[in-house]
C-alpha atoms as a PDB file:
ATOM      1  CA  UNK A   1       6.865  -3.432 -20.650  1.00  0.00           C
ATOM      2  CA  UNK A   2       3.488  -3.919 -18.572  1.00  0.00           C
ATOM      3  CA  UNK A   3       1.337  -0.854 -17.878  1.00  0.00           C
ATOM      4  CA  UNK A   4      -0.196  -0.591 -14.707  1.00  0.00           C
ATOM      5  CA  UNK A   5      -3.526   1.318 -14.654  1.00  0.00           C
ATOM      6  CA  UNK A   6      -4.058   4.217 -12.298  1.00  0.00           C
ATOM      7  CA  UNK A   7      -7.576   6.316 -12.425  1.00  0.00           C
ATOM      8  CA  UNK A   8      -8.246   4.856 -15.850  1.00  0.00           C
ATOM      9  CA  UNK A   9      -4.880   5.818 -17.276  1.00  0.00           C
ATOM     10  CA  UNK A  10      -2.027   3.642 -18.236  1.00  0.00           C
ATOM     11  CA  UNK A  11       1.396   4.202 -16.958  1.00  0.00           C
ATOM     12  CA  UNK A  12       4.402   2.779 -17.502  1.00  0.00           C
ATOM     13  CA  UNK A  13       5.665   0.754 -14.348  1.00  0.00           C
ATOM     14  CA  UNK A  14       8.286   2.826 -12.136  1.00  0.00           C
ATOM     15  CA  UNK A  15      11.643   1.795 -11.373  1.00  0.00           C
ATOM     16  CA  UNK A  16      10.377   0.695  -7.691  1.00  0.00           C
ATOM     17  CA  UNK A  17       7.579  -1.410  -9.251  1.00  0.00           C
ATOM     18  CA  UNK A  18       9.805  -3.041 -11.550  1.00  0.00           C
ATOM     19  CA  UNK A  19      12.377  -4.298  -9.279  1.00  0.00           C
ATOM     20  CA  UNK A  20      12.187  -7.535  -7.625  1.00  0.00           C
ATOM     21  CA  UNK A  21      11.101  -7.297  -3.982  1.00  0.00           C
ATOM     22  CA  UNK A  22      14.302  -9.005  -2.697  1.00  0.00           C
ATOM     23  CA  UNK A  23      16.331  -6.109  -4.395  1.00  0.00           C
ATOM     24  CA  UNK A  24      14.084  -3.223  -2.720  1.00  0.00           C
ATOM     25  CA  UNK A  25      15.048  -2.068   0.910  1.00  0.00           C
ATOM     26  CA  UNK A  26      12.426   0.222   2.972  1.00  0.00           C
ATOM     27  CA  UNK A  27      13.433   3.544   3.598  1.00  0.00           C
ATOM     28  CA  UNK A  28      14.491   3.883   7.316  1.00  0.00           C
ATOM     29  CA  UNK A  29      12.969   6.600   9.147  1.00  0.00           C
ATOM     30  CA  UNK A  30      15.608   9.085  10.663  1.00  0.00           C
ATOM     31  CA  UNK A  31      17.990   7.969   8.271  1.00  0.00           C
ATOM     32  CA  UNK A  32      17.203  10.149   5.424  1.00  0.00           C
ATOM     33  CA  UNK A  33      19.639  12.555   3.831  1.00  0.00           C
ATOM     34  CA  UNK A  34      17.125  15.134   4.872  1.00  0.00           C
ATOM     35  CA  UNK A  35      17.660  14.668   8.523  1.00  0.00           C
ATOM     36  CA  UNK A  36      21.543  14.969   8.023  1.00  0.00           C
ATOM     37  CA  UNK A  37      21.126  18.316   5.851  1.00  0.00           C
ATOM     38  CA  UNK A  38      18.753  19.577   8.597  1.00  0.00           C
ATOM     39  CA  UNK A  39      20.609  18.870  11.630  1.00  0.00           C
ATOM     40  CA  UNK A  40      23.524  20.801  10.035  1.00  0.00           C
ATOM     41  CA  UNK A  41      21.506  23.684  10.108  1.00  0.00           C
ATOM     42  CA  UNK A  42      20.255  24.179   6.591  1.00  0.00           C
ATOM     43  CA  UNK A  43      17.070  26.065   6.344  1.00  0.00           C
ATOM     44  CA  UNK A  44      15.979  24.350   3.054  1.00  0.00           C
ATOM     45  CA  UNK A  45      15.503  21.103   4.926  1.00  0.00           C
ATOM     46  CA  UNK A  46      13.531  22.829   7.789  1.00  0.00           C
ATOM     47  CA  UNK A  47      10.402  22.560   5.809  1.00  0.00           C
ATOM     48  CA  UNK A  48       9.575  19.239   3.794  1.00  0.00           C
ATOM     49  CA  UNK A  49       7.198  18.583   1.118  1.00  0.00           C
ATOM     50  CA  UNK A  50       4.650  15.734   1.318  1.00  0.00           C
ATOM     51  CA  UNK A  51       6.877  13.596  -0.548  1.00  0.00           C
ATOM     52  CA  UNK A  52       9.781  14.264   1.615  1.00  0.00           C
ATOM     53  CA  UNK A  53       7.944  13.926   4.752  1.00  0.00           C
ATOM     54  CA  UNK A  54       6.419  10.588   3.602  1.00  0.00           C
ATOM     55  CA  UNK A  55       9.988   9.463   2.637  1.00  0.00           C
ATOM     56  CA  UNK A  56      11.523  10.836   5.882  1.00  0.00           C
ATOM     57  CA  UNK A  57       8.595   8.712   7.864  1.00  0.00           C
ATOM     58  CA  UNK A  58       8.781   5.785   5.865  1.00  0.00           C
ATOM     59  CA  UNK A  59       5.121   6.055   4.681  1.00  0.00           C
ATOM     60  CA  UNK A  60       3.541   6.680   1.168  1.00  0.00           C
ATOM     61  CA  UNK A  61       2.372  10.357   0.352  1.00  0.00           C
ATOM     62  CA  UNK A  62      -1.047   8.976   0.018  1.00  0.00           C
ATOM     63  CA  UNK A  63      -1.119   8.208   3.746  1.00  0.00           C
ATOM     64  CA  UNK A  64      -0.006  11.538   4.633  1.00  0.00           C
ATOM     65  CA  UNK A  65      -3.062  13.342   2.444  1.00  0.00           C
ATOM     66  CA  UNK A  66      -5.365  10.910   3.886  1.00  0.00           C
ATOM     67  CA  UNK A  67      -4.284  11.639   7.656  1.00  0.00           C
ATOM     68  CA  UNK A  68      -4.374  15.521   6.888  1.00  0.00           C
ATOM     69  CA  UNK A  69      -7.860  14.991   5.513  1.00  0.00           C
ATOM     70  CA  UNK A  70      -9.013  13.229   8.551  1.00  0.00           C
ATOM     71  CA  UNK A  71      -7.011  15.957  10.858  1.00  0.00           C
ATOM     72  CA  UNK A  72      -4.782  12.928  12.047  1.00  0.00           C
ATOM     73  CA  UNK A  73      -0.918  12.385  11.766  1.00  0.00           C
ATOM     74  CA  UNK A  74       1.918  15.064  11.875  1.00  0.00           C
ATOM     75  CA  UNK A  75       1.024  18.690  12.032  1.00  0.00           C
ATOM     76  CA  UNK A  76       1.105  20.115   8.624  1.00  0.00           C
ATOM     77  CA  UNK A  77       0.452  23.596   6.779  1.00  0.00           C
ATOM     78  CA  UNK A  78      -0.029  25.370   3.682  1.00  0.00           C
ATOM     79  CA  UNK A  79       2.918  27.663   2.388  1.00  0.00           C
ATOM     80  CA  UNK A  80       3.401  30.025  -0.423  1.00  0.00           C
ATOM     81  CA  UNK A  81       1.409  31.415  -3.170  1.00  0.00           C
ATOM     82  CA  UNK A  82       0.305  27.931  -4.550  1.00  0.00           C
ATOM     83  CA  UNK A  83      -0.825  26.683  -0.862  1.00  0.00           C
ATOM     84  CA  UNK A  84       1.588  23.444  -1.056  1.00  0.00           C
ATOM     85  CA  UNK A  85       1.520  21.627   2.197  1.00  0.00           C
ATOM     86  CA  UNK A  86       4.412  21.285   4.073  1.00  0.00           C
ATOM     87  CA  UNK A  87       5.832  19.850   7.139  1.00  0.00           C
ATOM     88  CA  UNK A  88       8.374  21.086   9.834  1.00  0.00           C
ATOM     89  CA  UNK A  89      10.990  18.592  10.469  1.00  0.00           C
ATOM     90  CA  UNK A  90      11.201  19.293  14.187  1.00  0.00           C
ATOM     91  CA  UNK A  91       7.228  18.578  14.262  1.00  0.00           C
ATOM     92  CA  UNK A  92       7.822  15.366  12.492  1.00  0.00           C
ATOM     93  CA  UNK A  93      10.458  14.071  15.287  1.00  0.00           C
ATOM     94  CA  UNK A  94       8.091  15.400  17.863  1.00  0.00           C
ATOM     95  CA  UNK A  95       5.335  13.524  16.612  1.00  0.00           C
ATOM     96  CA  UNK A  96       7.057  10.397  16.280  1.00  0.00           C
ATOM     97  CA  UNK A  97       8.218  10.735  19.894  1.00  0.00           C
ATOM     98  CA  UNK A  98       4.396  11.088  20.817  1.00  0.00           C
ATOM     99  CA  UNK A  99       3.567   8.295  18.940  1.00  0.00           C
ATOM    100  CA  UNK A 100       6.395   6.003  20.711  1.00  0.00           C
ATOM    101  CA  UNK A 101       4.984   7.405  24.246  1.00  0.00           C
ATOM    102  CA  UNK A 102       1.588   6.322  23.648  1.00  0.00           C
ATOM    103  CA  UNK A 103       2.411   2.935  22.283  1.00  0.00           C
ATOM    104  CA  UNK A 104       2.372   0.533  25.446  1.00  0.00           C
ATOM    105  CA  UNK A 105       5.226  -1.456  23.849  1.00  0.00           C
ATOM    106  CA  UNK A 106       7.718   1.057  24.162  1.00  0.00           C
ATOM    107  CA  UNK A 107       6.296   2.925  27.234  1.00  0.00           C
ATOM    108  CA  UNK A 108       6.493   0.667  30.606  1.00  0.00           C
ATOM    109  CA  UNK A 109       4.023   2.905  32.185  1.00  0.00           C
ATOM    110  CA  UNK A 110       1.435   1.888  29.714  1.00  0.00           C
ATOM    111  CA  UNK A 111       2.019  -1.606  29.734  1.00  0.00           C
ATOM    112  CA  UNK A 112      -0.938  -3.437  31.217  1.00  0.00           C
ATOM    113  CA  UNK A 113       1.492  -6.248  32.563  1.00  0.00           C
ATOM    114  CA  UNK A 114       3.217  -3.553  34.738  1.00  0.00           C
ATOM    115  CA  UNK A 115      -0.019  -2.611  36.712  1.00  0.00           C
ATOM    116  CA  UNK A 116      -0.666  -4.143  40.045  1.00  0.00           C
ATOM    117  CA  UNK A 117      -3.396  -6.508  40.324  1.00  0.00           C
ATOM    118  CA  UNK A 118      -6.691  -5.494  41.627  1.00  0.00           C
ATOM    119  CA  UNK A 119      -8.579  -7.324  44.291  1.00  0.00           C
ATOM    120  CA  UNK A 120     -12.061  -8.449  43.450  1.00  0.00           C
ATOM    121  CA  UNK A 121     -14.746  -7.325  45.654  1.00  0.00           C
ATOM    122  CA  UNK A 122     -16.607  -9.873  47.824  1.00  0.00           C
ATOM    123  CA  UNK A 123     -19.804  -9.575  46.010  1.00  0.00           C
ATOM    124  CA  UNK A 124     -18.393 -11.352  43.175  1.00  0.00           C
ATOM    125  CA  UNK A 125     -16.523 -13.905  45.327  1.00  0.00           C
ATOM    126  CA  UNK A 126     -19.755 -15.152  46.900  1.00  0.00           C
ATOM    127  CA  UNK A 127     -21.851 -15.480  43.686  1.00  0.00           C
END
């Protein structure tokens, strides 16, 4: 068994790292069991931890921590006496919809190919 080094400490590889890449499938956003639980009205899935939110979005937890530090990404807050970082499921869904609308490939209004051509001014034509 090979050990990978993290911060100077050797840890045995996790199951995800030891499996061949052909056998691993990336998580599908919106296909999580958390989404099914939350849509059925369970309050326990209304708030997601960083790990659960990362799984739901198909990202790494580290990415969410970096985005939180930079004040980017989906809105989060601290909850409880330990101050655990949490995400609301509705806020994650709303944030994903905002990202879709901000992308010109999924929003035809932002696609530069859909804008009418502009006429050049005569100042540039005679030069």
